[in-house]
Amino acid sequence: MSLLGVRTAAMRQADAQAAQWEHGAKGEAATVRLLRPLVRWGWLRRLLGRPVWTVRHDLRLRGRRFNLDHVLVSPCGTAVVVLDTKNWHRGRTTALVGGRVHCGEDDRHGQVEKVAGYAEMVATAVGLRPDQVWPLIVVHGSPIAGGRLEARVPGQRGVVHVLGPDWLVPTLAGAPKARDPQRAAQLAGRVDSVLLPYTERG
């Protein structure tokens, strides 16, 4: 609180930013809970022949300051998922409008383009082809038209999948066509060597 209880514009802006971060953090925590079935009881899943994913949260590329919400290494050891969490307005539907992702009337395609760009940078850093790193967005709050969208980004091949929470795990669980634990472990090691905890300097 400022002197005489007067709130400045900077204080109001800081409060709004803090509320936005808290809102985003709730969405990320919800995504963490959604992903648990992919890794829980990994030894049992391996025994039963079910795919086991390697999942990391809250990372950044060495030398970069942007945050990667979630990064997953597939059980086949040939693909990485860069997964971004969004927590958009519950009362507005997310849909493709003219090829661009909108939440209600708000154009959110710029956020889709950012995630696609993050995926390309991760591919370069890890030494994978761009088509081996999949950009995904899971949206909490706002319902997704049809449950999932495939958004395209100019100048980039492939699509950015925009999913509702109910579609996330089934989409990931159905993706691996084979399992290669050794290759997956090697790829996870490469990911860990170039992606740092977001709070760590370097």
N, C-alpha and C. Protein backbone atom coordinates (compact mmCIF):
# COMPACT_ATOMS: atom_id res chain seq x y z
N MET A 1 0.84 -1.19 0.00
CA MET A 1 0.00 0.00 0.00
C MET A 1 0.88 1.24 0.00
N SER A 2 0.51 2.25 -0.76
CA SER A 2 1.33 3.45 -0.86
C SER A 2 0.95 4.44 0.25
N LEU A 3 1.68 5.50 0.33
CA LEU A 3 1.43 6.54 1.31
C LEU A 3 0.01 7.07 1.16
N LEU A 4 -0.69 7.22 2.29
CA LEU A 4 -2.07 7.72 2.34
C LEU A 4 -3.05 6.81 1.61
N GLY A 5 -2.61 5.57 1.34
CA GLY A 5 -3.53 4.61 0.72
C GLY A 5 -3.78 4.85 -0.75
N VAL A 6 -3.02 5.70 -1.38
CA VAL A 6 -3.21 5.99 -2.81
C VAL A 6 -2.45 4.95 -3.63
N ARG A 7 -3.15 4.31 -4.54
CA ARG A 7 -2.53 3.29 -5.38
C ARG A 7 -2.12 3.91 -6.71
N THR A 8 -0.88 3.71 -7.08
CA THR A 8 -0.36 4.27 -8.32
C THR A 8 -0.69 3.35 -9.49
N ALA A 9 -0.51 3.87 -10.71
CA ALA A 9 -0.73 3.06 -11.91
C ALA A 9 0.24 1.88 -11.93
N ALA A 10 1.49 2.12 -11.49
CA ALA A 10 2.48 1.03 -11.47
C ALA A 10 2.05 -0.08 -10.50
N MET A 11 1.48 0.31 -9.37
CA MET A 11 1.02 -0.70 -8.40
C MET A 11 -0.15 -1.50 -8.96
N ARG A 12 -1.06 -0.82 -9.63
CA ARG A 12 -2.20 -1.52 -10.23
C ARG A 12 -1.72 -2.48 -11.32
N GLN A 13 -0.73 -2.03 -12.09
CA GLN A 13 -0.19 -2.89 -13.14
C GLN A 13 0.51 -4.11 -12.54
N ALA A 14 1.25 -3.92 -11.46
CA ALA A 14 1.93 -5.03 -10.80
C ALA A 14 0.92 -6.03 -10.24
N ASP A 15 -0.17 -5.53 -9.68
CA ASP A 15 -1.21 -6.42 -9.16
C ASP A 15 -1.86 -7.22 -10.28
N ALA A 16 -2.10 -6.55 -11.41
CA ALA A 16 -2.70 -7.24 -12.55
C ALA A 16 -1.77 -8.32 -13.08
N GLN A 17 -0.45 -8.01 -13.13
CA GLN A 17 0.53 -9.00 -13.60
C GLN A 17 0.59 -10.19 -12.66
N ALA A 18 0.55 -9.93 -11.35
CA ALA A 18 0.58 -11.02 -10.37
C ALA A 18 -0.65 -11.90 -10.51
N ALA A 19 -1.81 -11.28 -10.73
CA ALA A 19 -3.04 -12.06 -10.90
C ALA A 19 -2.96 -12.91 -12.17
N GLN A 20 -2.37 -12.36 -13.23
CA GLN A 20 -2.21 -13.11 -14.47
C GLN A 20 -1.30 -14.31 -14.27
N TRP A 21 -0.18 -14.12 -13.55
CA TRP A 21 0.74 -15.21 -13.28
C TRP A 21 0.06 -16.31 -12.46
N GLU A 22 -0.71 -15.89 -11.47
CA GLU A 22 -1.41 -16.88 -10.64
C GLU A 22 -2.41 -17.68 -11.46
N HIS A 23 -3.11 -16.97 -12.36
CA HIS A 23 -4.08 -17.62 -13.24
C HIS A 23 -3.37 -18.64 -14.13
N GLY A 24 -2.23 -18.25 -14.70
CA GLY A 24 -1.46 -19.15 -15.54
C GLY A 24 -0.91 -20.33 -14.78
N ALA A 25 -0.45 -20.07 -13.55
CA ALA A 25 0.10 -21.15 -12.72
C ALA A 25 -0.95 -22.21 -12.41
N LYS A 26 -2.18 -21.78 -12.21
CA LYS A 26 -3.25 -22.75 -11.96
C LYS A 26 -3.46 -23.65 -13.18
N GLY A 27 -3.40 -23.05 -14.36
CA GLY A 27 -3.54 -23.85 -15.58
C GLY A 27 -2.40 -24.83 -15.74
N GLU A 28 -1.16 -24.40 -15.44
CA GLU A 28 -0.01 -25.30 -15.56
C GLU A 28 -0.11 -26.45 -14.56
N ALA A 29 -0.57 -26.15 -13.35
CA ALA A 29 -0.73 -27.21 -12.35
C ALA A 29 -1.78 -28.22 -12.80
N ALA A 30 -2.84 -27.74 -13.45
CA ALA A 30 -3.86 -28.65 -13.96
C ALA A 30 -3.30 -29.55 -15.05
N THR A 31 -2.42 -29.00 -15.90
CA THR A 31 -1.80 -29.81 -16.95
C THR A 31 -0.87 -30.85 -16.36
N VAL A 32 -0.11 -30.48 -15.33
CA VAL A 32 0.76 -31.45 -14.65
C VAL A 32 -0.05 -32.64 -14.16
N ARG A 33 -1.21 -32.36 -13.58
CA ARG A 33 -2.07 -33.46 -13.09
C ARG A 33 -2.57 -34.32 -14.26
N LEU A 34 -2.90 -33.67 -15.38
CA LEU A 34 -3.38 -34.43 -16.54
C LEU A 34 -2.31 -35.39 -17.07
N LEU A 35 -1.05 -34.97 -17.02
CA LEU A 35 0.04 -35.76 -17.60
C LEU A 35 0.47 -36.93 -16.72
N ARG A 36 0.08 -36.96 -15.47
CA ARG A 36 0.57 -38.00 -14.56
C ARG A 36 0.32 -39.42 -15.05
N PRO A 37 -0.83 -39.72 -15.68
CA PRO A 37 -1.03 -41.10 -16.15
C PRO A 37 0.00 -41.58 -17.17
N LEU A 38 0.66 -40.64 -17.86
CA LEU A 38 1.66 -41.04 -18.86
C LEU A 38 2.94 -41.53 -18.22
N VAL A 39 3.18 -41.16 -16.97
CA VAL A 39 4.45 -41.51 -16.33
C VAL A 39 4.28 -42.27 -15.02
N ARG A 40 3.08 -42.26 -14.44
CA ARG A 40 2.87 -42.89 -13.14
C ARG A 40 3.15 -44.39 -13.22
N TRP A 41 3.84 -44.89 -12.19
CA TRP A 41 4.18 -46.31 -12.12
C TRP A 41 4.85 -46.76 -13.41
N GLY A 42 5.90 -46.03 -13.77
CA GLY A 42 6.60 -46.29 -15.03
C GLY A 42 7.05 -47.74 -15.18
N TRP A 43 7.54 -48.34 -14.08
CA TRP A 43 8.01 -49.73 -14.18
C TRP A 43 6.87 -50.67 -14.52
N LEU A 44 5.67 -50.39 -13.97
CA LEU A 44 4.52 -51.25 -14.25
C LEU A 44 4.05 -51.06 -15.69
N ARG A 45 4.06 -49.82 -16.14
CA ARG A 45 3.65 -49.55 -17.53
C ARG A 45 4.60 -50.25 -18.50
N ARG A 46 5.90 -50.23 -18.18
CA ARG A 46 6.87 -50.92 -19.03
C ARG A 46 6.61 -52.43 -19.03
N LEU A 47 6.32 -52.97 -17.85
CA LEU A 47 6.07 -54.40 -17.73
C LEU A 47 4.86 -54.81 -18.56
N LEU A 48 3.86 -53.94 -18.60
CA LEU A 48 2.64 -54.24 -19.34
C LEU A 48 2.75 -53.86 -20.82
N GLY A 49 3.90 -53.33 -21.21
CA GLY A 49 4.11 -52.97 -22.61
C GLY A 49 3.43 -51.68 -23.01
N ARG A 50 3.12 -50.82 -22.02
CA ARG A 50 2.48 -49.55 -22.33
C ARG A 50 3.52 -48.44 -22.46
N PRO A 51 3.29 -47.49 -23.33
CA PRO A 51 4.28 -46.43 -23.54
C PRO A 51 4.52 -45.61 -22.27
N VAL A 52 5.75 -45.28 -22.02
CA VAL A 52 6.14 -44.44 -20.90
C VAL A 52 6.80 -43.18 -21.44
N TRP A 53 6.25 -42.04 -21.08
CA TRP A 53 6.78 -40.76 -21.52
C TRP A 53 7.74 -40.19 -20.48
N THR A 54 8.72 -39.43 -20.93
CA THR A 54 9.55 -38.63 -20.04
C THR A 54 8.99 -37.21 -20.07
N VAL A 55 8.68 -36.68 -18.91
CA VAL A 55 8.00 -35.38 -18.82
C VAL A 55 8.82 -34.43 -17.96
N ARG A 56 9.05 -33.23 -18.45
CA ARG A 56 9.73 -32.18 -17.70
C ARG A 56 8.83 -30.94 -17.69
N HIS A 57 8.95 -30.14 -16.64
CA HIS A 57 8.11 -28.95 -16.50
C HIS A 57 8.96 -27.71 -16.23
N ASP A 58 8.48 -26.58 -16.73
CA ASP A 58 9.03 -25.26 -16.41
C ASP A 58 10.52 -25.17 -16.75
N LEU A 59 10.81 -25.16 -18.04
CA LEU A 59 12.18 -25.16 -18.53
C LEU A 59 12.45 -23.95 -19.41
N ARG A 60 13.72 -23.78 -19.76
CA ARG A 60 14.10 -22.78 -20.75
C ARG A 60 15.32 -23.30 -21.50
N LEU A 61 15.51 -22.78 -22.70
CA LEU A 61 16.70 -23.09 -23.48
C LEU A 61 17.89 -22.32 -22.91
N ARG A 62 19.03 -22.96 -22.89
CA ARG A 62 20.24 -22.27 -22.44
C ARG A 62 20.46 -21.01 -23.28
N GLY A 63 20.67 -19.89 -22.59
CA GLY A 63 20.88 -18.63 -23.29
C GLY A 63 19.60 -17.90 -23.67
N ARG A 64 18.44 -18.48 -23.37
CA ARG A 64 17.16 -17.85 -23.68
C ARG A 64 16.38 -17.62 -22.39
N ARG A 65 15.46 -16.66 -22.41
CA ARG A 65 14.72 -16.32 -21.20
C ARG A 65 13.26 -16.75 -21.25
N PHE A 66 12.74 -17.22 -22.39
CA PHE A 66 11.33 -17.61 -22.43
C PHE A 66 11.13 -18.94 -21.71
N ASN A 67 9.95 -19.13 -21.21
CA ASN A 67 9.59 -20.30 -20.42
C ASN A 67 8.90 -21.35 -21.27
N LEU A 68 9.35 -22.61 -21.13
CA LEU A 68 8.67 -23.74 -21.75
C LEU A 68 7.88 -24.44 -20.64
N ASP A 69 6.56 -24.42 -20.75
CA ASP A 69 5.73 -24.97 -19.67
C ASP A 69 6.00 -26.45 -19.43
N HIS A 70 5.97 -27.23 -20.52
CA HIS A 70 6.13 -28.69 -20.40
C HIS A 70 6.86 -29.21 -21.65
N VAL A 71 7.78 -30.12 -21.44
CA VAL A 71 8.49 -30.76 -22.55
C VAL A 71 8.43 -32.27 -22.32
N LEU A 72 8.03 -33.01 -23.35
CA LEU A 72 7.86 -34.46 -23.23
C LEU A 72 8.69 -35.17 -24.28
N VAL A 73 9.29 -36.28 -23.89
CA VAL A 73 10.02 -37.15 -24.82
C VAL A 73 9.20 -38.42 -25.01
N SER A 74 8.93 -38.75 -26.26
CA SER A 74 8.05 -39.88 -26.55
C SER A 74 8.75 -41.21 -26.26
N PRO A 75 7.97 -42.26 -25.98
CA PRO A 75 8.55 -43.58 -25.70
C PRO A 75 9.32 -44.17 -26.87
N CYS A 76 9.04 -43.70 -28.10
CA CYS A 76 9.76 -44.23 -29.25
C CYS A 76 11.15 -43.62 -29.37
N GLY A 77 11.41 -42.53 -28.64
CA GLY A 77 12.72 -41.92 -28.66
C GLY A 77 13.04 -41.15 -29.91
N THR A 78 12.02 -40.82 -30.70
CA THR A 78 12.27 -40.09 -31.95
C THR A 78 11.52 -38.76 -32.00
N ALA A 79 10.81 -38.39 -30.94
CA ALA A 79 10.00 -37.17 -30.99
C ALA A 79 9.96 -36.50 -29.62
N VAL A 80 9.85 -35.18 -29.67
CA VAL A 80 9.71 -34.35 -28.48
C VAL A 80 8.46 -33.50 -28.65
N VAL A 81 7.73 -33.30 -27.57
CA VAL A 81 6.55 -32.44 -27.57
C VAL A 81 6.85 -31.20 -26.74
N VAL A 82 6.65 -30.03 -27.34
CA VAL A 82 6.70 -28.77 -26.61
C VAL A 82 5.26 -28.37 -26.35
N LEU A 83 4.87 -28.44 -25.09
CA LEU A 83 3.46 -28.27 -24.70
C LEU A 83 3.30 -27.00 -23.90
N ASP A 84 2.43 -26.13 -24.36
CA ASP A 84 2.17 -24.87 -23.69
C ASP A 84 0.78 -24.90 -23.08
N THR A 85 0.66 -24.42 -21.85
CA THR A 85 -0.63 -24.37 -21.17
C THR A 85 -1.22 -22.98 -21.28
N LYS A 86 -2.48 -22.91 -21.62
CA LYS A 86 -3.21 -21.64 -21.61
C LYS A 86 -4.44 -21.80 -20.71
N ASN A 87 -4.80 -20.71 -20.06
CA ASN A 87 -5.99 -20.68 -19.21
C ASN A 87 -6.83 -19.51 -19.68
N TRP A 88 -7.71 -19.78 -20.65
CA TRP A 88 -8.44 -18.71 -21.31
C TRP A 88 -9.85 -18.60 -20.76
N HIS A 89 -10.55 -17.57 -21.19
CA HIS A 89 -11.85 -17.19 -20.65
C HIS A 89 -12.87 -18.34 -20.76
N ARG A 90 -13.39 -18.72 -19.59
CA ARG A 90 -14.32 -19.86 -19.55
C ARG A 90 -15.60 -19.61 -20.33
N GLY A 91 -16.00 -18.38 -20.44
CA GLY A 91 -17.27 -18.08 -21.11
C GLY A 91 -17.15 -17.85 -22.60
N ARG A 92 -15.96 -18.09 -23.18
CA ARG A 92 -15.76 -17.87 -24.60
C ARG A 92 -15.19 -19.12 -25.25
N THR A 93 -15.69 -19.45 -26.42
CA THR A 93 -15.24 -20.64 -27.13
C THR A 93 -13.99 -20.33 -27.95
N THR A 94 -13.04 -21.26 -27.92
CA THR A 94 -11.84 -21.15 -28.75
C THR A 94 -12.10 -21.88 -30.07
N ALA A 95 -11.87 -21.19 -31.18
CA ALA A 95 -12.18 -21.74 -32.49
C ALA A 95 -11.24 -21.14 -33.53
N LEU A 96 -11.21 -21.77 -34.70
CA LEU A 96 -10.48 -21.22 -35.84
C LEU A 96 -11.40 -20.24 -36.58
N VAL A 97 -10.91 -19.03 -36.78
CA VAL A 97 -11.66 -18.01 -37.51
C VAL A 97 -10.74 -17.50 -38.62
N GLY A 98 -11.08 -17.83 -39.85
CA GLY A 98 -10.22 -17.43 -40.96
C GLY A 98 -8.83 -18.03 -40.86
N GLY A 99 -8.75 -19.24 -40.30
CA GLY A 99 -7.47 -19.92 -40.17
C GLY A 99 -6.66 -19.51 -38.96
N ARG A 100 -7.20 -18.59 -38.13
CA ARG A 100 -6.48 -18.12 -36.95
C ARG A 100 -7.25 -18.53 -35.68
N VAL A 101 -6.50 -18.81 -34.64
CA VAL A 101 -7.12 -19.23 -33.38
C VAL A 101 -7.65 -18.00 -32.64
N HIS A 102 -8.92 -18.06 -32.30
CA HIS A 102 -9.57 -17.00 -31.53
C HIS A 102 -10.18 -17.59 -30.27
N CYS A 103 -10.14 -16.84 -29.18
CA CYS A 103 -10.92 -17.14 -27.99
C CYS A 103 -12.02 -16.09 -27.94
N GLY A 104 -13.23 -16.51 -28.28
CA GLY A 104 -14.28 -15.53 -28.49
C GLY A 104 -13.89 -14.62 -29.64
N GLU A 105 -13.91 -13.32 -29.40
CA GLU A 105 -13.53 -12.36 -30.44
C GLU A 105 -12.04 -12.02 -30.40
N ASP A 106 -11.33 -12.52 -29.40
CA ASP A 106 -9.91 -12.18 -29.25
C ASP A 106 -9.03 -13.09 -30.11
N ASP A 107 -8.22 -12.48 -30.95
CA ASP A 107 -7.27 -13.22 -31.78
C ASP A 107 -6.10 -13.68 -30.91
N ARG A 108 -5.93 -14.99 -30.75
CA ARG A 108 -4.85 -15.54 -29.94
C ARG A 108 -3.80 -16.25 -30.80
N HIS A 109 -3.83 -16.00 -32.10
CA HIS A 109 -2.95 -16.76 -32.99
C HIS A 109 -1.48 -16.41 -32.76
N GLY A 110 -1.22 -15.22 -32.25
CA GLY A 110 0.16 -14.86 -31.93
C GLY A 110 0.77 -15.81 -30.91
N GLN A 111 -0.04 -16.30 -29.97
CA GLN A 111 0.45 -17.25 -28.99
C GLN A 111 0.71 -18.61 -29.63
N VAL A 112 -0.10 -18.97 -30.61
CA VAL A 112 0.13 -20.20 -31.37
C VAL A 112 1.47 -20.11 -32.11
N GLU A 113 1.72 -18.96 -32.72
CA GLU A 113 2.96 -18.77 -33.46
C GLU A 113 4.17 -18.84 -32.54
N LYS A 114 4.05 -18.31 -31.31
CA LYS A 114 5.15 -18.39 -30.35
C LYS A 114 5.50 -19.84 -30.03
N VAL A 115 4.48 -20.66 -29.78
CA VAL A 115 4.74 -22.05 -29.44
C VAL A 115 5.39 -22.78 -30.60
N ALA A 116 4.95 -22.49 -31.81
CA ALA A 116 5.59 -23.09 -32.99
C ALA A 116 7.05 -22.67 -33.08
N GLY A 117 7.33 -21.41 -32.77
CA GLY A 117 8.71 -20.93 -32.78
C GLY A 117 9.55 -21.60 -31.71
N TYR A 118 8.97 -21.79 -30.51
CA TYR A 118 9.69 -22.48 -29.45
C TYR A 118 10.06 -23.90 -29.88
N ALA A 119 9.12 -24.57 -30.53
CA ALA A 119 9.36 -25.95 -30.96
C ALA A 119 10.51 -26.00 -31.97
N GLU A 120 10.55 -25.04 -32.88
CA GLU A 120 11.66 -25.01 -33.85
C GLU A 120 13.00 -24.80 -33.16
N MET A 121 13.04 -23.92 -32.17
CA MET A 121 14.29 -23.67 -31.45
C MET A 121 14.73 -24.90 -30.65
N VAL A 122 13.77 -25.59 -30.05
CA VAL A 122 14.09 -26.82 -29.32
C VAL A 122 14.65 -27.87 -30.28
N ALA A 123 14.04 -27.99 -31.46
CA ALA A 123 14.52 -28.96 -32.44
C ALA A 123 15.98 -28.69 -32.80
N THR A 124 16.30 -27.44 -33.05
CA THR A 124 17.68 -27.07 -33.40
C THR A 124 18.62 -27.39 -32.25
N ALA A 125 18.22 -27.05 -31.02
CA ALA A 125 19.08 -27.25 -29.86
C ALA A 125 19.33 -28.72 -29.56
N VAL A 126 18.29 -29.54 -29.76
CA VAL A 126 18.40 -30.97 -29.43
C VAL A 126 18.98 -31.77 -30.58
N GLY A 127 18.97 -31.20 -31.78
CA GLY A 127 19.50 -31.91 -32.94
C GLY A 127 18.49 -32.80 -33.62
N LEU A 128 17.23 -32.35 -33.63
CA LEU A 128 16.16 -33.08 -34.30
C LEU A 128 15.66 -32.28 -35.50
N ARG A 129 15.00 -32.98 -36.42
CA ARG A 129 14.33 -32.29 -37.52
C ARG A 129 13.12 -31.54 -36.95
N PRO A 130 12.72 -30.45 -37.58
CA PRO A 130 11.56 -29.70 -37.09
C PRO A 130 10.30 -30.56 -36.97
N ASP A 131 10.13 -31.54 -37.88
CA ASP A 131 8.93 -32.37 -37.81
C ASP A 131 8.98 -33.39 -36.67
N GLN A 132 10.11 -33.47 -35.97
CA GLN A 132 10.22 -34.38 -34.83
C GLN A 132 9.92 -33.69 -33.51
N VAL A 133 9.69 -32.40 -33.54
CA VAL A 133 9.31 -31.67 -32.33
C VAL A 133 7.92 -31.09 -32.56
N TRP A 134 6.97 -31.54 -31.79
CA TRP A 134 5.57 -31.22 -32.01
C TRP A 134 5.12 -30.11 -31.07
N PRO A 135 4.63 -28.98 -31.61
CA PRO A 135 4.07 -27.93 -30.77
C PRO A 135 2.60 -28.23 -30.45
N LEU A 136 2.29 -28.24 -29.17
CA LEU A 136 0.93 -28.47 -28.70
C LEU A 136 0.54 -27.38 -27.71
N ILE A 137 -0.74 -27.05 -27.69
CA ILE A 137 -1.30 -26.14 -26.69
C ILE A 137 -2.50 -26.84 -26.06
N VAL A 138 -2.55 -26.84 -24.73
CA VAL A 138 -3.75 -27.31 -24.05
C VAL A 138 -4.41 -26.09 -23.41
N VAL A 139 -5.69 -25.94 -23.65
CA VAL A 139 -6.43 -24.76 -23.19
C VAL A 139 -7.39 -25.18 -22.07
N HIS A 140 -7.20 -24.59 -20.91
CA HIS A 140 -8.12 -24.77 -19.79
C HIS A 140 -9.12 -23.60 -19.79
N GLY A 141 -10.27 -23.84 -19.24
CA GLY A 141 -11.28 -22.80 -19.14
C GLY A 141 -12.13 -22.71 -20.39
N SER A 142 -11.61 -22.10 -21.41
CA SER A 142 -12.35 -21.91 -22.66
C SER A 142 -12.61 -23.23 -23.36
N PRO A 143 -13.87 -23.54 -23.70
CA PRO A 143 -14.13 -24.77 -24.47
C PRO A 143 -13.58 -24.66 -25.89
N ILE A 144 -13.04 -25.76 -26.39
CA ILE A 144 -12.48 -25.80 -27.75
C ILE A 144 -13.55 -26.31 -28.70
N ALA A 145 -13.77 -25.60 -29.78
CA ALA A 145 -14.74 -26.05 -30.77
C ALA A 145 -14.33 -27.41 -31.31
N GLY A 146 -15.17 -28.43 -31.10
CA GLY A 146 -14.85 -29.77 -31.57
C GLY A 146 -13.86 -30.51 -30.69
N GLY A 147 -13.40 -29.89 -29.62
CA GLY A 147 -12.46 -30.54 -28.70
C GLY A 147 -11.00 -30.33 -29.05
N ARG A 148 -10.71 -30.09 -30.33
CA ARG A 148 -9.33 -29.89 -30.75
C ARG A 148 -9.30 -29.12 -32.07
N LEU A 149 -8.20 -28.39 -32.27
CA LEU A 149 -8.01 -27.62 -33.49
C LEU A 149 -6.63 -27.93 -34.06
N GLU A 150 -6.49 -27.77 -35.37
CA GLU A 150 -5.19 -27.87 -36.02
C GLU A 150 -4.91 -26.52 -36.67
N ALA A 151 -4.01 -25.77 -36.05
CA ALA A 151 -3.72 -24.41 -36.51
C ALA A 151 -2.41 -24.40 -37.29
N ARG A 152 -2.40 -23.65 -38.35
CA ARG A 152 -1.19 -23.54 -39.17
C ARG A 152 -0.53 -22.19 -38.94
N VAL A 153 0.79 -22.19 -39.07
CA VAL A 153 1.59 -20.98 -38.89
C VAL A 153 2.30 -20.68 -40.20
N PRO A 154 2.16 -19.48 -40.75
CA PRO A 154 2.79 -19.15 -42.03
C PRO A 154 4.30 -19.39 -41.98
N GLY A 155 4.80 -20.02 -43.04
CA GLY A 155 6.22 -20.27 -43.15
C GLY A 155 6.71 -21.51 -42.45
N GLN A 156 5.81 -22.24 -41.80
CA GLN A 156 6.21 -23.45 -41.09
C GLN A 156 5.36 -24.63 -41.56
N ARG A 157 6.03 -25.78 -41.66
CA ARG A 157 5.32 -26.99 -42.05
C ARG A 157 4.64 -27.59 -40.83
N GLY A 158 3.64 -28.41 -41.07
CA GLY A 158 2.95 -29.06 -39.97
C GLY A 158 1.95 -28.13 -39.30
N VAL A 159 1.39 -28.59 -38.19
CA VAL A 159 0.35 -27.84 -37.51
C VAL A 159 0.69 -27.72 -36.03
N VAL A 160 0.04 -26.78 -35.39
CA VAL A 160 0.05 -26.68 -33.94
C VAL A 160 -1.29 -27.22 -33.45
N HIS A 161 -1.26 -28.27 -32.66
CA HIS A 161 -2.49 -28.84 -32.13
C HIS A 161 -2.93 -28.04 -30.91
N VAL A 162 -4.15 -27.59 -30.93
CA VAL A 162 -4.75 -26.85 -29.81
C VAL A 162 -5.84 -27.75 -29.23
N LEU A 163 -5.63 -28.21 -28.01
CA LEU A 163 -6.47 -29.27 -27.45
C LEU A 163 -7.18 -28.81 -26.19
N GLY A 164 -8.40 -29.34 -26.01
CA GLY A 164 -9.05 -29.24 -24.72
C GLY A 164 -8.45 -30.26 -23.77
N PRO A 165 -8.59 -30.08 -22.46
CA PRO A 165 -7.97 -30.99 -21.49
C PRO A 165 -8.32 -32.46 -21.70
N ASP A 166 -9.56 -32.74 -22.09
CA ASP A 166 -9.98 -34.13 -22.27
C ASP A 166 -9.28 -34.81 -23.44
N TRP A 167 -8.72 -34.02 -24.36
CA TRP A 167 -8.07 -34.58 -25.54
C TRP A 167 -6.57 -34.78 -25.35
N LEU A 168 -6.01 -34.17 -24.31
CA LEU A 168 -4.55 -34.14 -24.20
C LEU A 168 -3.93 -35.53 -24.06
N VAL A 169 -4.28 -36.25 -23.01
CA VAL A 169 -3.66 -37.55 -22.77
C VAL A 169 -4.00 -38.56 -23.86
N PRO A 170 -5.26 -38.67 -24.32
CA PRO A 170 -5.52 -39.60 -25.42
C PRO A 170 -4.71 -39.29 -26.67
N THR A 171 -4.50 -38.02 -26.98
CA THR A 171 -3.71 -37.65 -28.15
C THR A 171 -2.26 -38.09 -27.99
N LEU A 172 -1.69 -37.84 -26.82
CA LEU A 172 -0.30 -38.23 -26.58
C LEU A 172 -0.16 -39.75 -26.48
N ALA A 173 -1.06 -40.38 -25.77
CA ALA A 173 -0.96 -41.83 -25.57
C ALA A 173 -1.11 -42.59 -26.88
N GLY A 174 -1.84 -42.02 -27.82
CA GLY A 174 -2.03 -42.70 -29.10
C GLY A 174 -0.95 -42.42 -30.12
N ALA A 175 -0.02 -41.49 -29.79
CA ALA A 175 0.97 -41.09 -30.78
C ALA A 175 2.08 -42.10 -31.02
N PRO A 176 2.70 -42.68 -29.96
CA PRO A 176 3.83 -43.59 -30.24
C PRO A 176 3.39 -44.85 -30.95
N LYS A 177 4.08 -45.20 -32.00
CA LYS A 177 3.79 -46.44 -32.72
C LYS A 177 4.69 -47.58 -32.27
N ALA A 178 5.75 -47.24 -31.56
CA ALA A 178 6.69 -48.26 -31.08
C ALA A 178 7.37 -47.73 -29.83
N ARG A 179 8.04 -48.61 -29.11
CA ARG A 179 8.78 -48.21 -27.92
C ARG A 179 10.24 -48.58 -28.10
N ASP A 180 11.10 -47.66 -27.75
CA ASP A 180 12.54 -47.90 -27.78
C ASP A 180 13.12 -47.24 -26.53
N PRO A 181 13.10 -47.93 -25.38
CA PRO A 181 13.54 -47.31 -24.12
C PRO A 181 14.95 -46.75 -24.17
N GLN A 182 15.86 -47.44 -24.85
CA GLN A 182 17.24 -46.96 -24.91
C GLN A 182 17.33 -45.65 -25.69
N ARG A 183 16.67 -45.62 -26.85
CA ARG A 183 16.70 -44.40 -27.65
C ARG A 183 15.98 -43.27 -26.92
N ALA A 184 14.87 -43.59 -26.24
CA ALA A 184 14.13 -42.57 -25.50
C ALA A 184 14.99 -41.99 -24.38
N ALA A 185 15.75 -42.85 -23.68
CA ALA A 185 16.62 -42.38 -22.60
C ALA A 185 17.72 -41.48 -23.14
N GLN A 186 18.27 -41.84 -24.31
CA GLN A 186 19.31 -41.01 -24.91
C GLN A 186 18.76 -39.64 -25.31
N LEU A 187 17.55 -39.64 -25.89
CA LEU A 187 16.95 -38.37 -26.29
C LEU A 187 16.61 -37.53 -25.07
N ALA A 188 16.13 -38.16 -24.02
CA ALA A 188 15.84 -37.42 -22.78
C ALA A 188 17.12 -36.80 -22.22
N GLY A 189 18.22 -37.52 -22.33
CA GLY A 189 19.49 -36.96 -21.89
C GLY A 189 19.90 -35.74 -22.68
N ARG A 190 19.68 -35.77 -23.99
CA ARG A 190 19.99 -34.60 -24.82
C ARG A 190 19.10 -33.42 -24.45
N VAL A 191 17.83 -33.70 -24.21
CA VAL A 191 16.91 -32.64 -23.80
C VAL A 191 17.38 -32.03 -22.48
N ASP A 192 17.73 -32.87 -21.52
CA ASP A 192 18.17 -32.36 -20.22
C ASP A 192 19.48 -31.58 -20.31
N SER A 193 20.28 -31.85 -21.34
CA SER A 193 21.56 -31.16 -21.46
C SER A 193 21.41 -29.75 -22.02
N VAL A 194 20.32 -29.48 -22.72
CA VAL A 194 20.16 -28.16 -23.34
C VAL A 194 19.01 -27.35 -22.74
N LEU A 195 18.13 -28.01 -21.98
CA LEU A 195 17.02 -27.31 -21.34
C LEU A 195 17.28 -27.25 -19.85
N LEU A 196 17.20 -26.06 -19.28
CA LEU A 196 17.49 -25.84 -17.88
C LEU A 196 16.21 -25.52 -17.12
N PRO A 197 16.19 -25.77 -15.81
CA PRO A 197 15.08 -25.26 -15.01
C PRO A 197 14.96 -23.75 -15.22
N TYR A 198 13.74 -23.28 -15.32
CA TYR A 198 13.54 -21.87 -15.70
C TYR A 198 14.18 -20.92 -14.72
N THR A 199 14.29 -21.28 -13.45
CA THR A 199 14.84 -20.38 -12.45
C THR A 199 16.37 -20.41 -12.43
N GLU A 200 16.99 -21.37 -13.14
CA GLU A 200 18.44 -21.51 -13.10
C GLU A 200 19.10 -20.58 -14.11
N ARG A 201 20.18 -19.95 -13.69
CA ARG A 201 20.91 -19.05 -14.59
C ARG A 201 21.86 -19.86 -15.47
N GLY A 202 22.21 -19.29 -16.65
CA GLY A 202 23.19 -19.93 -17.48
C GLY A 202 22.91 -19.77 -18.94
